[in-house]
């Protein structure tokens, strides 16, 4: 018998998020990711760091870097990723 793989795409876009709302969303994501794959699109690097095990950085529609979130944030291999994470871009 084949198993069905379930992937859920979750796109969160909040114009003026309240800290409490962000906290609730992050708790929900932490619980959901135990069971399913979640794709989060965000410009909030702090949020990405807290809830993602893998991250992807894109620039002008091009995949620039992909990998373990902690490694990518602490030691990015691409100059565009470094520039964005240090606030020199975007």
N, C-alpha and C. Protein backbone atom coordinates (compact mmCIF):
# COMPACT_ATOMS: atom_id res chain seq x y z
N UNK A 1 0.85 -1.18 0.00
CA UNK A 1 0.00 0.00 0.00
C UNK A 1 0.90 1.25 0.00
N UNK A 2 0.60 2.18 -0.88
CA UNK A 2 1.36 3.43 -0.94
C UNK A 2 0.84 4.42 0.08
N UNK A 3 1.75 5.16 0.63
CA UNK A 3 1.36 6.21 1.58
C UNK A 3 1.20 7.52 0.83
N UNK A 4 0.25 8.28 1.25
CA UNK A 4 0.00 9.59 0.67
C UNK A 4 0.85 10.62 1.42
N UNK A 5 1.65 11.35 0.69
CA UNK A 5 2.44 12.42 1.29
C UNK A 5 1.65 13.70 1.21
N UNK A 6 1.53 14.37 2.30
CA UNK A 6 0.74 15.59 2.36
C UNK A 6 1.65 16.78 2.59
N UNK A 7 1.56 17.75 1.74
CA UNK A 7 2.30 19.00 1.91
C UNK A 7 1.30 20.13 1.97
N UNK A 8 1.49 20.99 2.89
CA UNK A 8 0.61 22.15 3.03
C UNK A 8 1.45 23.41 2.83
N UNK A 9 0.96 24.29 2.01
CA UNK A 9 1.62 25.58 1.82
C UNK A 9 0.87 26.59 2.66
N UNK A 10 1.58 27.22 3.56
CA UNK A 10 0.98 28.19 4.45
C UNK A 10 1.64 29.53 4.19
N UNK A 11 0.87 30.47 3.70
CA UNK A 11 1.39 31.80 3.42
C UNK A 11 0.78 32.77 4.41
N UNK A 12 1.63 33.35 5.21
CA UNK A 12 1.17 34.29 6.23
C UNK A 12 1.58 35.69 5.82
N UNK A 13 0.64 36.55 5.69
CA UNK A 13 0.92 37.93 5.34
C UNK A 13 0.09 38.82 6.25
N UNK A 14 0.76 39.54 7.11
CA UNK A 14 0.07 40.38 8.07
C UNK A 14 0.59 41.81 7.89
N UNK A 15 -0.29 42.73 7.54
CA UNK A 15 0.11 44.10 7.27
C UNK A 15 0.68 44.79 8.52
N UNK A 16 -0.04 44.74 9.62
CA UNK A 16 0.41 45.35 10.86
C UNK A 16 0.30 44.33 12.00
N UNK A 17 1.22 43.39 12.03
CA UNK A 17 1.09 42.32 13.02
C UNK A 17 1.31 42.81 14.44
N UNK A 18 0.51 42.31 15.33
CA UNK A 18 0.70 42.55 16.75
C UNK A 18 1.63 41.47 17.28
N UNK A 19 2.42 41.75 18.28
CA UNK A 19 3.36 40.77 18.82
C UNK A 19 2.63 39.50 19.26
N UNK A 20 1.46 39.67 19.85
CA UNK A 20 0.70 38.52 20.32
C UNK A 20 0.24 37.65 19.14
N UNK A 21 -0.17 38.28 18.04
CA UNK A 21 -0.58 37.53 16.85
C UNK A 21 0.57 36.74 16.28
N UNK A 22 1.74 37.37 16.20
CA UNK A 22 2.94 36.70 15.69
C UNK A 22 3.26 35.50 16.56
N UNK A 23 3.17 35.67 17.86
CA UNK A 23 3.45 34.58 18.79
C UNK A 23 2.50 33.40 18.57
N UNK A 24 1.23 33.69 18.39
CA UNK A 24 0.24 32.63 18.15
C UNK A 24 0.50 31.92 16.82
N UNK A 25 0.85 32.69 15.80
CA UNK A 25 1.15 32.11 14.49
C UNK A 25 2.37 31.20 14.60
N UNK A 26 3.40 31.65 15.29
CA UNK A 26 4.61 30.84 15.45
C UNK A 26 4.33 29.55 16.22
N UNK A 27 3.49 29.62 17.24
CA UNK A 27 3.11 28.42 17.99
C UNK A 27 2.37 27.44 17.08
N UNK A 28 1.46 27.95 16.26
CA UNK A 28 0.71 27.11 15.33
C UNK A 28 1.66 26.43 14.34
N UNK A 29 2.59 27.19 13.80
CA UNK A 29 3.54 26.63 12.84
C UNK A 29 4.39 25.55 13.49
N UNK A 30 4.87 25.80 14.70
CA UNK A 30 5.69 24.80 15.41
C UNK A 30 4.92 23.49 15.57
N UNK A 31 3.64 23.58 15.88
CA UNK A 31 2.82 22.38 16.06
C UNK A 31 2.55 21.70 14.72
N UNK A 32 2.20 22.47 13.71
CA UNK A 32 1.88 21.90 12.40
C UNK A 32 3.08 21.22 11.75
N UNK A 33 4.28 21.80 11.92
CA UNK A 33 5.43 21.26 11.20
C UNK A 33 5.88 19.89 11.73
N UNK A 34 5.30 19.45 12.83
CA UNK A 34 5.56 18.10 13.32
C UNK A 34 4.90 17.07 12.41
N UNK A 35 3.84 17.47 11.72
CA UNK A 35 3.05 16.55 10.91
C UNK A 35 3.13 16.80 9.41
N UNK A 36 3.40 18.02 9.00
CA UNK A 36 3.34 18.37 7.58
C UNK A 36 4.51 19.27 7.20
N UNK A 37 4.70 19.41 5.91
CA UNK A 37 5.69 20.35 5.39
C UNK A 37 5.03 21.71 5.24
N UNK A 38 5.72 22.74 5.67
CA UNK A 38 5.16 24.09 5.62
C UNK A 38 6.13 25.01 4.88
N UNK A 39 5.60 25.78 3.97
CA UNK A 39 6.37 26.79 3.27
C UNK A 39 5.91 28.15 3.77
N UNK A 40 6.84 28.92 4.28
CA UNK A 40 6.52 30.25 4.79
C UNK A 40 7.29 31.27 3.96
N UNK A 41 6.58 32.24 3.43
CA UNK A 41 7.21 33.31 2.67
C UNK A 41 7.20 34.54 3.56
N UNK A 42 8.38 35.07 3.86
CA UNK A 42 8.45 36.20 4.79
C UNK A 42 9.68 37.05 4.52
N UNK A 43 9.59 38.30 4.94
CA UNK A 43 10.76 39.18 4.95
C UNK A 43 11.24 39.35 6.38
N UNK A 44 10.54 38.73 7.32
CA UNK A 44 10.87 38.83 8.74
C UNK A 44 11.91 37.76 9.06
N UNK A 45 13.18 38.15 9.03
CA UNK A 45 14.27 37.18 9.23
C UNK A 45 14.29 36.62 10.64
N UNK A 46 13.88 37.40 11.62
CA UNK A 46 13.80 36.90 12.99
C UNK A 46 12.79 35.77 13.10
N UNK A 47 11.65 35.95 12.46
CA UNK A 47 10.62 34.93 12.47
C UNK A 47 11.11 33.68 11.73
N UNK A 48 11.73 33.87 10.60
CA UNK A 48 12.26 32.72 9.84
C UNK A 48 13.26 31.94 10.68
N UNK A 49 14.11 32.65 11.39
CA UNK A 49 15.13 31.99 12.23
C UNK A 49 14.48 31.18 13.35
N UNK A 50 13.41 31.70 13.93
CA UNK A 50 12.76 31.02 15.06
C UNK A 50 11.98 29.78 14.65
N UNK A 51 11.40 29.76 13.45
CA UNK A 51 10.47 28.67 13.14
C UNK A 51 10.91 27.75 12.01
N UNK A 52 12.01 28.06 11.33
CA UNK A 52 12.40 27.26 10.17
C UNK A 52 13.64 26.42 10.44
N UNK A 53 13.61 25.20 9.96
CA UNK A 53 14.82 24.36 10.04
C UNK A 53 15.63 24.49 8.76
N UNK A 54 14.97 24.77 7.64
CA UNK A 54 15.63 25.01 6.35
C UNK A 54 15.15 26.35 5.82
N UNK A 55 16.05 27.08 5.18
CA UNK A 55 15.68 28.38 4.61
C UNK A 55 16.23 28.52 3.20
N UNK A 56 15.56 29.38 2.46
CA UNK A 56 15.95 29.67 1.09
C UNK A 56 15.97 31.19 0.95
N UNK A 57 17.02 31.72 0.38
CA UNK A 57 17.09 33.15 0.13
C UNK A 57 17.02 33.36 -1.37
N UNK A 58 16.09 34.22 -1.78
CA UNK A 58 15.93 34.54 -3.19
C UNK A 58 16.17 36.03 -3.41
N UNK A 59 16.73 36.35 -4.54
CA UNK A 59 16.98 37.75 -4.89
C UNK A 59 16.55 37.95 -6.34
N UNK A 60 15.61 38.86 -6.56
CA UNK A 60 15.07 39.16 -7.89
C UNK A 60 14.60 37.89 -8.60
N UNK A 61 13.93 37.01 -7.84
CA UNK A 61 13.37 35.80 -8.40
C UNK A 61 14.36 34.66 -8.60
N UNK A 62 15.60 34.87 -8.21
CA UNK A 62 16.64 33.86 -8.39
C UNK A 62 16.98 33.22 -7.04
N UNK A 63 17.07 31.89 -7.02
CA UNK A 63 17.50 31.20 -5.81
C UNK A 63 18.97 31.48 -5.60
N UNK A 64 19.29 32.09 -4.46
CA UNK A 64 20.65 32.49 -4.16
C UNK A 64 21.31 31.49 -3.21
N UNK A 65 20.54 31.06 -2.20
CA UNK A 65 21.12 30.18 -1.19
C UNK A 65 20.02 29.35 -0.54
N UNK A 66 20.35 28.10 -0.22
CA UNK A 66 19.41 27.20 0.43
C UNK A 66 20.19 26.32 1.40
N UNK A 67 19.60 26.09 2.57
CA UNK A 67 20.26 25.18 3.51
C UNK A 67 19.70 25.28 4.90
N UNK A 68 20.45 24.74 5.83
CA UNK A 68 20.10 24.76 7.24
C UNK A 68 20.00 26.21 7.70
N UNK A 69 18.89 26.55 8.34
CA UNK A 69 18.64 27.95 8.73
C UNK A 69 19.73 28.50 9.63
N UNK A 70 20.07 27.79 10.68
CA UNK A 70 21.08 28.29 11.63
C UNK A 70 22.41 28.54 10.93
N UNK A 71 22.81 27.63 10.07
CA UNK A 71 24.08 27.78 9.35
C UNK A 71 24.01 28.95 8.37
N UNK A 72 22.92 29.03 7.64
CA UNK A 72 22.78 30.10 6.66
C UNK A 72 22.78 31.48 7.33
N UNK A 73 22.14 31.59 8.48
CA UNK A 73 22.07 32.89 9.16
C UNK A 73 23.38 33.24 9.86
N UNK A 74 24.09 32.25 10.35
CA UNK A 74 25.34 32.53 11.06
C UNK A 74 26.54 32.62 10.12
N UNK A 75 26.48 31.94 8.98
CA UNK A 75 27.60 31.94 8.06
C UNK A 75 27.11 31.82 6.61
N UNK A 76 26.42 32.85 6.10
CA UNK A 76 25.90 32.77 4.73
C UNK A 76 27.04 32.66 3.73
N UNK A 77 26.82 31.86 2.68
CA UNK A 77 27.88 31.66 1.70
C UNK A 77 27.82 32.64 0.53
N UNK A 78 26.69 33.28 0.32
CA UNK A 78 26.53 34.21 -0.79
C UNK A 78 26.56 35.65 -0.28
N UNK A 79 27.23 36.52 -1.03
CA UNK A 79 27.36 37.92 -0.62
C UNK A 79 26.01 38.64 -0.55
N UNK A 80 25.06 38.27 -1.41
CA UNK A 80 23.74 38.91 -1.37
C UNK A 80 22.99 38.53 -0.10
N UNK A 81 23.14 37.29 0.32
CA UNK A 81 22.52 36.85 1.57
C UNK A 81 23.13 37.61 2.74
N UNK A 82 24.46 37.69 2.75
CA UNK A 82 25.16 38.44 3.82
C UNK A 82 24.69 39.89 3.87
N UNK A 83 24.59 40.51 2.71
CA UNK A 83 24.18 41.92 2.64
C UNK A 83 22.77 42.10 3.19
N UNK A 84 21.86 41.20 2.82
CA UNK A 84 20.48 41.33 3.30
C UNK A 84 20.40 41.10 4.81
N UNK A 85 21.08 40.07 5.30
CA UNK A 85 21.00 39.75 6.73
C UNK A 85 21.65 40.82 7.60
N UNK A 86 22.61 41.55 7.06
CA UNK A 86 23.25 42.61 7.84
C UNK A 86 22.62 43.98 7.61
N UNK A 87 21.54 44.02 6.82
CA UNK A 87 20.81 45.27 6.62
C UNK A 87 21.41 46.17 5.56
N UNK A 88 22.35 45.69 4.79
CA UNK A 88 22.95 46.50 3.73
C UNK A 88 22.15 46.43 2.44
N UNK A 89 21.12 45.58 2.42
CA UNK A 89 20.27 45.44 1.23
C UNK A 89 18.83 45.31 1.70
N UNK A 90 17.90 45.85 0.93
CA UNK A 90 16.48 45.65 1.23
C UNK A 90 16.01 46.53 2.31
